[in-house]
Amino acid sequence: MKRSFYSSLLFLVAAFHCWADEPLVLLGASYGKNVLAICEKDGTVLWRHQTEGPEKGHTGHHDIHLLPSGNILYHDSWVKVKEITLGKKVVWEYDTAFEDGTRATTHAFRRLADGTTVVVESNLGRIVHLDAENKITKKIPLGAEGRKKTRLMTMTAEGNYLVAAENPGVVTEYNDQGDIVWEYPTNTRVYGALRLKNGNTLICTGSGNSVLEVSPEKEIVWQITKDEIPGLTLGWMTDLQELPNGNLVLGNCHAGKGQPQIVEVNKAKEIIWSFDEWELVGNGLACWQILSVEESKLVREKLAAGE
């Protein structure tokens, strides 16, 4: 009897630790949902915040990041980036620039390790670095011929900027002087690109309903097309993330009810995990982040403490 009790207790303790180590999902959605949320991978909502936004259409929610403090960097309009605590207090914000009669919009941003905030100012066609007082400390110009109309921006290990531009449908890598060091045209309304650990570039093609892995020599070495995986239809492909085990997590926006909004696949094109929470995010989930075990632990601790 005692052995059975202790065995059950050990099982429960092990199950708790397994659950506590599960990565969480941070997300932001517009299209009438207008929500930030942190969820378990099964969709259970641990934290939720209603944001600004219209009942129809969308504004903001094209990029999102958990910061080392446990705060969230996000936007719920095209002209303002905000930092919010888990206690739902806005502690920092930045209004995009207005120059020569043009108001910049933003679809991408991130916070660097030294505290600098990087914001891509679309329309004005530049990337700016901001200090803690929102003073611009660096400007990186973007290319011509539509390259100023941006979507997602990620950074390479070398500190270069990998920027997706919807029109003319191209992924461009810039150095910190604004020089183009690599470029790949998708000829689609491309949304996001990421430099993989193997040196190739993963591209979510947006309206192309596909995912491409492209070599430095600009050869497609791996891809998933719209209906290639049974039971999965690719919609407007958006955000993307490479996990430590090499699996790829892909944003499947505007795919319709019954299709996952996020899907994890391996290189054998097998579905490892999917996220389908239609009531929470609807048909407009473009940005999210799969938190690491350490980040998830930090969030759990802060939520448990009521922070």
Protein backbone atom coordinates (compact mmCIF):
# COMPACT_ATOMS: atom_id res chain seq x y z
CA MET A 1 0.00 0.00 0.00
CA LYS A 2 2.79 2.40 0.96
CA ARG A 3 4.73 1.45 -2.15
CA SER A 4 1.67 2.19 -4.26
CA PHE A 5 1.19 5.57 -2.54
CA TYR A 6 4.82 6.60 -2.98
CA SER A 7 4.83 5.39 -6.57
CA SER A 8 1.78 7.53 -7.29
CA LEU A 9 3.37 10.50 -5.52
CA LEU A 10 6.57 10.14 -7.53
CA PHE A 11 4.53 9.91 -10.73
CA LEU A 12 2.69 13.13 -9.87
CA VAL A 13 5.93 14.94 -9.03
CA ALA A 14 7.51 13.77 -12.28
CA ALA A 15 4.42 14.80 -14.23
CA PHE A 16 4.48 18.25 -12.60
CA HIS A 17 8.13 18.80 -13.50
CA CYS A 18 7.45 17.64 -17.05
CA TRP A 19 4.55 20.09 -17.34
CA ALA A 20 6.59 22.91 -15.77
CA ASP A 21 9.35 22.39 -18.35
CA GLU A 22 6.95 22.60 -21.31
CA PRO A 23 7.63 25.64 -23.51
CA LEU A 24 4.91 28.28 -23.54
CA VAL A 25 3.50 30.12 -26.56
CA LEU A 26 3.44 33.93 -26.63
CA LEU A 27 1.15 35.39 -29.30
CA GLY A 28 -0.56 38.51 -30.56
CA ALA A 29 -3.54 38.68 -32.94
CA SER A 30 -5.68 41.41 -34.47
CA TYR A 31 -8.61 41.02 -36.92
CA GLY A 32 -11.15 41.76 -34.21
CA LYS A 33 -9.51 39.50 -31.61
CA ASN A 34 -7.05 42.23 -30.54
CA VAL A 35 -5.30 40.08 -27.97
CA LEU A 36 -1.97 39.25 -26.42
CA ALA A 37 -1.81 35.86 -24.75
CA ILE A 38 0.55 33.36 -23.18
CA CYS A 39 -0.61 29.77 -23.55
CA GLU A 40 0.40 26.25 -22.84
CA LYS A 41 1.14 24.33 -26.02
CA ASP A 42 -2.29 22.69 -25.72
CA GLY A 43 -3.90 26.14 -25.94
CA THR A 44 -4.67 26.65 -22.24
CA VAL A 45 -4.48 30.40 -21.65
CA LEU A 46 -2.30 31.42 -18.68
CA TRP A 47 -2.29 35.18 -19.33
CA ARG A 48 -4.35 37.41 -21.59
CA HIS A 49 -4.53 41.12 -22.39
CA GLN A 50 -6.99 42.86 -24.66
CA THR A 51 -5.23 45.41 -26.85
CA GLU A 52 -6.27 48.33 -29.00
CA GLY A 53 -7.59 47.46 -32.44
CA PRO A 54 -10.59 47.56 -34.78
CA GLU A 55 -13.54 45.17 -34.76
CA LYS A 56 -12.77 44.38 -38.40
CA GLY A 57 -9.50 44.42 -40.29
CA HIS A 58 -6.20 44.61 -38.49
CA THR A 59 -3.65 46.97 -37.05
CA GLY A 60 -0.35 45.99 -35.46
CA HIS A 61 0.34 42.46 -34.20
CA HIS A 62 2.96 41.70 -36.84
CA ASP A 63 5.81 41.16 -34.35
CA ILE A 64 6.15 40.22 -30.68
CA HIS A 65 8.99 39.39 -28.25
CA LEU A 66 9.37 38.29 -24.65
CA LEU A 67 12.12 40.34 -23.01
CA PRO A 68 14.60 39.00 -20.41
CA SER A 69 12.68 40.92 -17.73
CA GLY A 70 9.52 38.97 -18.52
CA ASN A 71 7.95 42.03 -20.15
CA ILE A 72 6.51 41.87 -23.67
CA LEU A 73 7.49 44.03 -26.64
CA TYR A 74 4.57 44.37 -29.06
CA HIS A 75 2.49 46.78 -31.14
CA ASP A 76 -1.27 47.19 -31.55
CA SER A 77 -1.04 50.01 -34.09
CA TRP A 78 1.16 50.65 -37.10
CA VAL A 79 2.82 53.70 -35.53
CA LYS A 80 3.61 52.75 -31.93
CA VAL A 81 5.72 50.06 -30.23
CA LYS A 82 5.05 49.27 -26.56
CA GLU A 83 6.59 47.34 -23.69
CA ILE A 84 4.10 45.92 -21.21
CA THR A 85 4.57 44.02 -17.96
CA LEU A 86 2.71 40.84 -17.07
CA GLY A 87 0.89 43.13 -14.64
CA LYS A 88 -0.42 44.90 -17.78
CA LYS A 89 1.39 48.17 -17.19
CA VAL A 90 2.93 49.91 -20.22
CA VAL A 91 6.44 50.90 -19.14
CA TRP A 92 7.89 52.06 -22.47
CA GLU A 93 6.61 53.15 -25.86
CA TYR A 94 7.90 54.64 -29.09
CA ASP A 95 5.99 56.62 -31.70
CA THR A 96 7.38 56.20 -35.20
CA ALA A 97 8.87 59.21 -36.94
CA PHE A 98 7.07 61.73 -39.13
CA GLU A 99 9.36 63.22 -41.77
CA ASP A 100 8.77 65.18 -44.98
CA GLY A 101 5.02 64.67 -44.72
CA THR A 102 5.35 60.87 -44.32
CA ARG A 103 4.51 58.97 -41.14
CA ALA A 104 6.55 55.81 -40.71
CA THR A 105 4.78 52.56 -39.97
CA THR A 106 6.34 49.57 -38.29
CA HIS A 107 5.92 45.83 -38.67
CA ALA A 108 9.13 44.67 -36.96
CA PHE A 109 11.28 45.50 -33.95
CA ARG A 110 13.42 43.87 -31.27
CA ARG A 111 15.39 44.67 -28.11
CA LEU A 112 19.13 43.98 -28.18
CA ALA A 113 21.15 42.63 -25.25
CA ASP A 114 22.60 46.08 -24.49
CA GLY A 115 19.11 47.58 -24.11
CA THR A 116 18.98 49.17 -27.55
CA THR A 117 15.61 48.89 -29.29
CA VAL A 118 15.71 48.30 -33.03
CA VAL A 119 12.65 49.44 -35.01
CA VAL A 120 12.11 49.04 -38.75
CA GLU A 121 10.38 52.20 -39.97
CA SER A 122 8.56 51.20 -43.12
CA ASN A 123 7.57 53.93 -45.61
CA LEU A 124 10.52 56.04 -44.47
CA GLY A 125 12.66 53.07 -45.44
CA ARG A 126 15.08 52.78 -42.56
CA ILE A 127 16.03 50.82 -39.49
CA VAL A 128 16.64 52.89 -36.36
CA HIS A 129 18.42 52.09 -33.10
CA LEU A 130 16.96 53.77 -30.01
CA ASP A 131 18.53 54.29 -26.60
CA ALA A 132 16.58 54.17 -23.33
CA GLU A 133 15.36 57.77 -23.87
CA ASN A 134 14.21 56.97 -27.44
CA LYS A 135 17.04 58.98 -28.95
CA ILE A 136 18.01 57.63 -32.37
CA THR A 137 21.62 56.47 -32.15
CA LYS A 138 21.88 54.78 -35.56
CA LYS A 139 20.04 54.81 -38.89
CA ILE A 140 20.35 52.05 -41.48
CA PRO A 141 18.82 52.90 -44.88
CA LEU A 142 16.78 50.28 -46.72
CA GLY A 143 16.98 49.62 -50.45
CA ALA A 144 14.95 51.16 -53.26
CA GLU A 145 12.21 49.82 -55.55
CA GLY A 146 9.73 48.77 -52.89
CA ARG A 147 12.24 47.49 -50.32
CA LYS A 148 11.03 50.17 -47.94
CA LYS A 149 7.63 48.42 -47.64
CA THR A 150 8.67 45.89 -45.04
CA ARG A 151 7.26 43.08 -42.96
CA LEU A 152 9.31 40.96 -40.55
CA MET A 153 12.97 41.66 -39.72
CA THR A 154 15.31 39.23 -38.00
CA MET A 155 19.01 39.54 -37.24
CA THR A 156 21.85 37.23 -38.16
CA ALA A 157 24.62 36.04 -35.84
CA GLU A 158 26.88 38.62 -37.51
CA GLY A 159 24.52 41.43 -36.61
CA ASN A 160 23.13 41.92 -40.11
CA TYR A 161 19.46 42.66 -40.74
CA LEU A 162 17.37 40.16 -42.71
CA VAL A 163 14.34 42.09 -43.96
CA ALA A 164 11.29 40.87 -45.87
CA ALA A 165 9.62 43.36 -48.22
CA GLU A 166 6.17 42.58 -49.65
CA ASN A 167 6.64 44.57 -52.83
CA PRO A 168 8.72 43.70 -54.87
CA GLY A 169 8.64 40.44 -52.88
CA VAL A 170 12.24 40.09 -51.79
CA VAL A 171 14.31 39.11 -48.75
CA THR A 172 17.29 41.42 -48.31
CA GLU A 173 20.24 41.17 -45.93
CA TYR A 174 21.76 44.52 -44.96
CA ASN A 175 24.92 45.21 -42.98
CA ASP A 176 25.01 48.01 -40.41
CA GLN A 177 25.88 50.53 -43.13
CA GLY A 178 22.83 49.64 -45.19
CA ASP A 179 24.81 47.79 -47.86
CA ILE A 180 23.03 44.82 -49.43
CA VAL A 181 25.14 41.72 -48.79
CA TRP A 182 22.63 39.05 -49.89
CA GLU A 183 19.21 38.99 -51.45
CA TYR A 184 16.63 36.50 -52.62
CA PRO A 185 13.48 37.35 -54.63
CA THR A 186 10.35 35.30 -53.90
CA ASN A 187 8.07 37.36 -56.17
CA THR A 188 5.36 36.97 -53.51
CA ARG A 189 4.15 39.20 -50.68
CA VAL A 190 6.86 37.66 -48.53
CA TYR A 191 6.48 38.00 -44.77
CA GLY A 192 9.51 36.64 -42.91
CA ALA A 193 12.98 35.17 -43.16
CA LEU A 194 15.40 33.62 -40.70
CA ARG A 195 19.07 32.63 -40.98
CA LEU A 196 19.29 29.00 -39.87
CA LYS A 197 22.12 27.48 -37.85
CA ASN A 198 23.35 25.68 -41.00
CA GLY A 199 23.82 29.01 -42.81
CA ASN A 200 20.82 28.67 -45.09
CA THR A 201 17.88 31.08 -45.01
CA LEU A 202 14.35 29.97 -44.16
CA ILE A 203 11.64 32.04 -45.84
CA CYS A 204 7.90 32.19 -45.19
CA THR A 205 6.61 33.47 -48.51
CA GLY A 206 3.39 35.12 -47.28
CA SER A 207 1.00 35.01 -50.23
CA GLY A 208 3.10 32.26 -51.83
CA ASN A 209 1.57 29.68 -49.44
CA SER A 210 4.96 28.03 -49.06
CA VAL A 211 8.14 27.76 -47.03
CA LEU A 212 11.57 27.79 -48.64
CA GLU A 213 15.06 26.96 -47.39
CA VAL A 214 17.56 28.75 -49.60
CA SER A 215 21.33 28.28 -49.66
CA PRO A 216 23.83 31.16 -49.71
CA GLU A 217 24.14 30.39 -53.43
CA LYS A 218 20.37 31.07 -53.75
CA GLU A 219 19.41 27.47 -54.47
CA ILE A 220 16.20 26.06 -52.95
CA VAL A 221 17.41 23.06 -50.95
CA TRP A 222 14.15 22.27 -49.10
CA GLN A 223 10.58 23.48 -49.25
CA ILE A 224 6.97 22.85 -48.31
CA THR A 225 4.24 23.78 -50.76
CA LYS A 226 0.58 24.57 -50.07
CA ASP A 227 -0.98 21.07 -49.98
CA GLU A 228 2.14 18.92 -49.79
CA ILE A 229 1.60 17.62 -46.24
CA PRO A 230 -1.60 15.57 -45.88
CA GLY A 231 -4.18 17.27 -43.69
CA LEU A 232 -2.34 20.62 -43.74
CA THR A 233 -3.12 23.54 -46.03
CA LEU A 234 -0.65 26.40 -45.97
CA GLY A 235 -2.22 29.84 -45.86
CA TRP A 236 -0.43 33.18 -45.63
CA MET A 237 2.92 32.03 -44.22
CA THR A 238 4.25 34.50 -41.67
CA ASP A 239 6.40 34.05 -38.57
CA LEU A 240 9.08 31.39 -38.24
CA GLN A 241 11.40 29.92 -35.63
CA GLU A 242 14.12 27.27 -35.51
CA LEU A 243 14.03 25.14 -32.35
CA PRO A 244 17.17 23.83 -30.63
CA ASN A 245 16.44 20.32 -31.98
CA GLY A 246 16.36 21.63 -35.56
CA ASN A 247 12.60 21.46 -36.01
CA LEU A 248 10.92 24.43 -37.65
CA VAL A 249 7.87 26.29 -36.32
CA LEU A 250 5.83 28.11 -38.95
CA GLY A 251 3.04 30.70 -38.86
CA ASN A 252 0.02 29.62 -40.90
CA CYS A 253 -2.13 32.76 -41.03
CA HIS A 254 -5.42 33.14 -42.96
CA ALA A 255 -5.59 29.39 -43.55
CA GLY A 256 -9.22 29.18 -42.41
CA LYS A 257 -11.11 27.34 -39.71
CA GLY A 258 -9.98 23.76 -39.18
CA GLN A 259 -6.36 24.54 -40.04
CA PRO A 260 -3.67 25.17 -37.40
CA GLN A 261 -2.42 28.71 -36.92
CA ILE A 262 1.04 27.47 -35.92
CA VAL A 263 2.67 24.21 -36.96
CA GLU A 264 5.96 22.52 -36.01
CA VAL A 265 7.54 20.26 -38.61
CA ASN A 266 10.77 18.32 -38.93
CA LYS A 267 12.91 18.16 -42.05
CA ALA A 268 11.11 14.95 -43.05
CA LYS A 269 8.01 17.19 -43.33
CA GLU A 270 6.24 15.41 -40.48
CA ILE A 271 3.94 17.45 -38.23
CA ILE A 272 5.32 17.29 -34.69
CA TRP A 273 2.93 19.74 -33.03
CA SER A 274 0.22 22.16 -34.09
CA PHE A 275 -1.66 25.01 -32.45
CA ASP A 276 -5.31 25.52 -33.44
CA GLU A 277 -7.10 27.95 -31.15
CA TRP A 278 -9.69 29.56 -33.43
CA GLU A 279 -11.77 31.09 -30.63
CA LEU A 280 -8.70 32.82 -29.19
CA VAL A 281 -6.96 34.09 -32.32
CA GLY A 282 -9.34 33.55 -35.24
CA ASN A 283 -7.97 33.73 -38.77
CA GLY A 284 -5.41 36.47 -38.18
CA LEU A 285 -2.55 35.14 -36.05
CA ALA A 286 0.60 36.50 -37.72
CA CYS A 287 3.11 36.77 -34.85
CA TRP A 288 4.07 34.53 -31.96
CA GLN A 289 7.09 33.17 -30.11
CA ILE A 290 7.74 29.69 -28.75
CA LEU A 291 9.40 30.47 -25.44
CA SER A 292 12.46 28.57 -24.31
CA VAL A 293 12.36 26.42 -21.18
CA GLU A 294 14.14 29.20 -19.27
CA GLU A 295 11.79 31.89 -20.55
CA SER A 296 8.77 29.74 -19.78
CA LYS A 297 10.02 29.13 -16.24
CA LEU A 298 10.46 32.89 -15.74
CA VAL A 299 6.92 33.59 -16.94
CA ARG A 300 5.41 30.84 -14.77
CA GLU A 301 7.22 32.19 -11.71
CA LYS A 302 6.09 35.76 -12.36
CA LEU A 303 2.48 34.72 -12.93
CA ALA A 304 2.53 32.60 -9.78
CA ALA A 305 3.85 35.57 -7.81
CA GLY A 306 1.13 37.82 -9.22
CA GLU A 307 3.59 40.14 -10.97
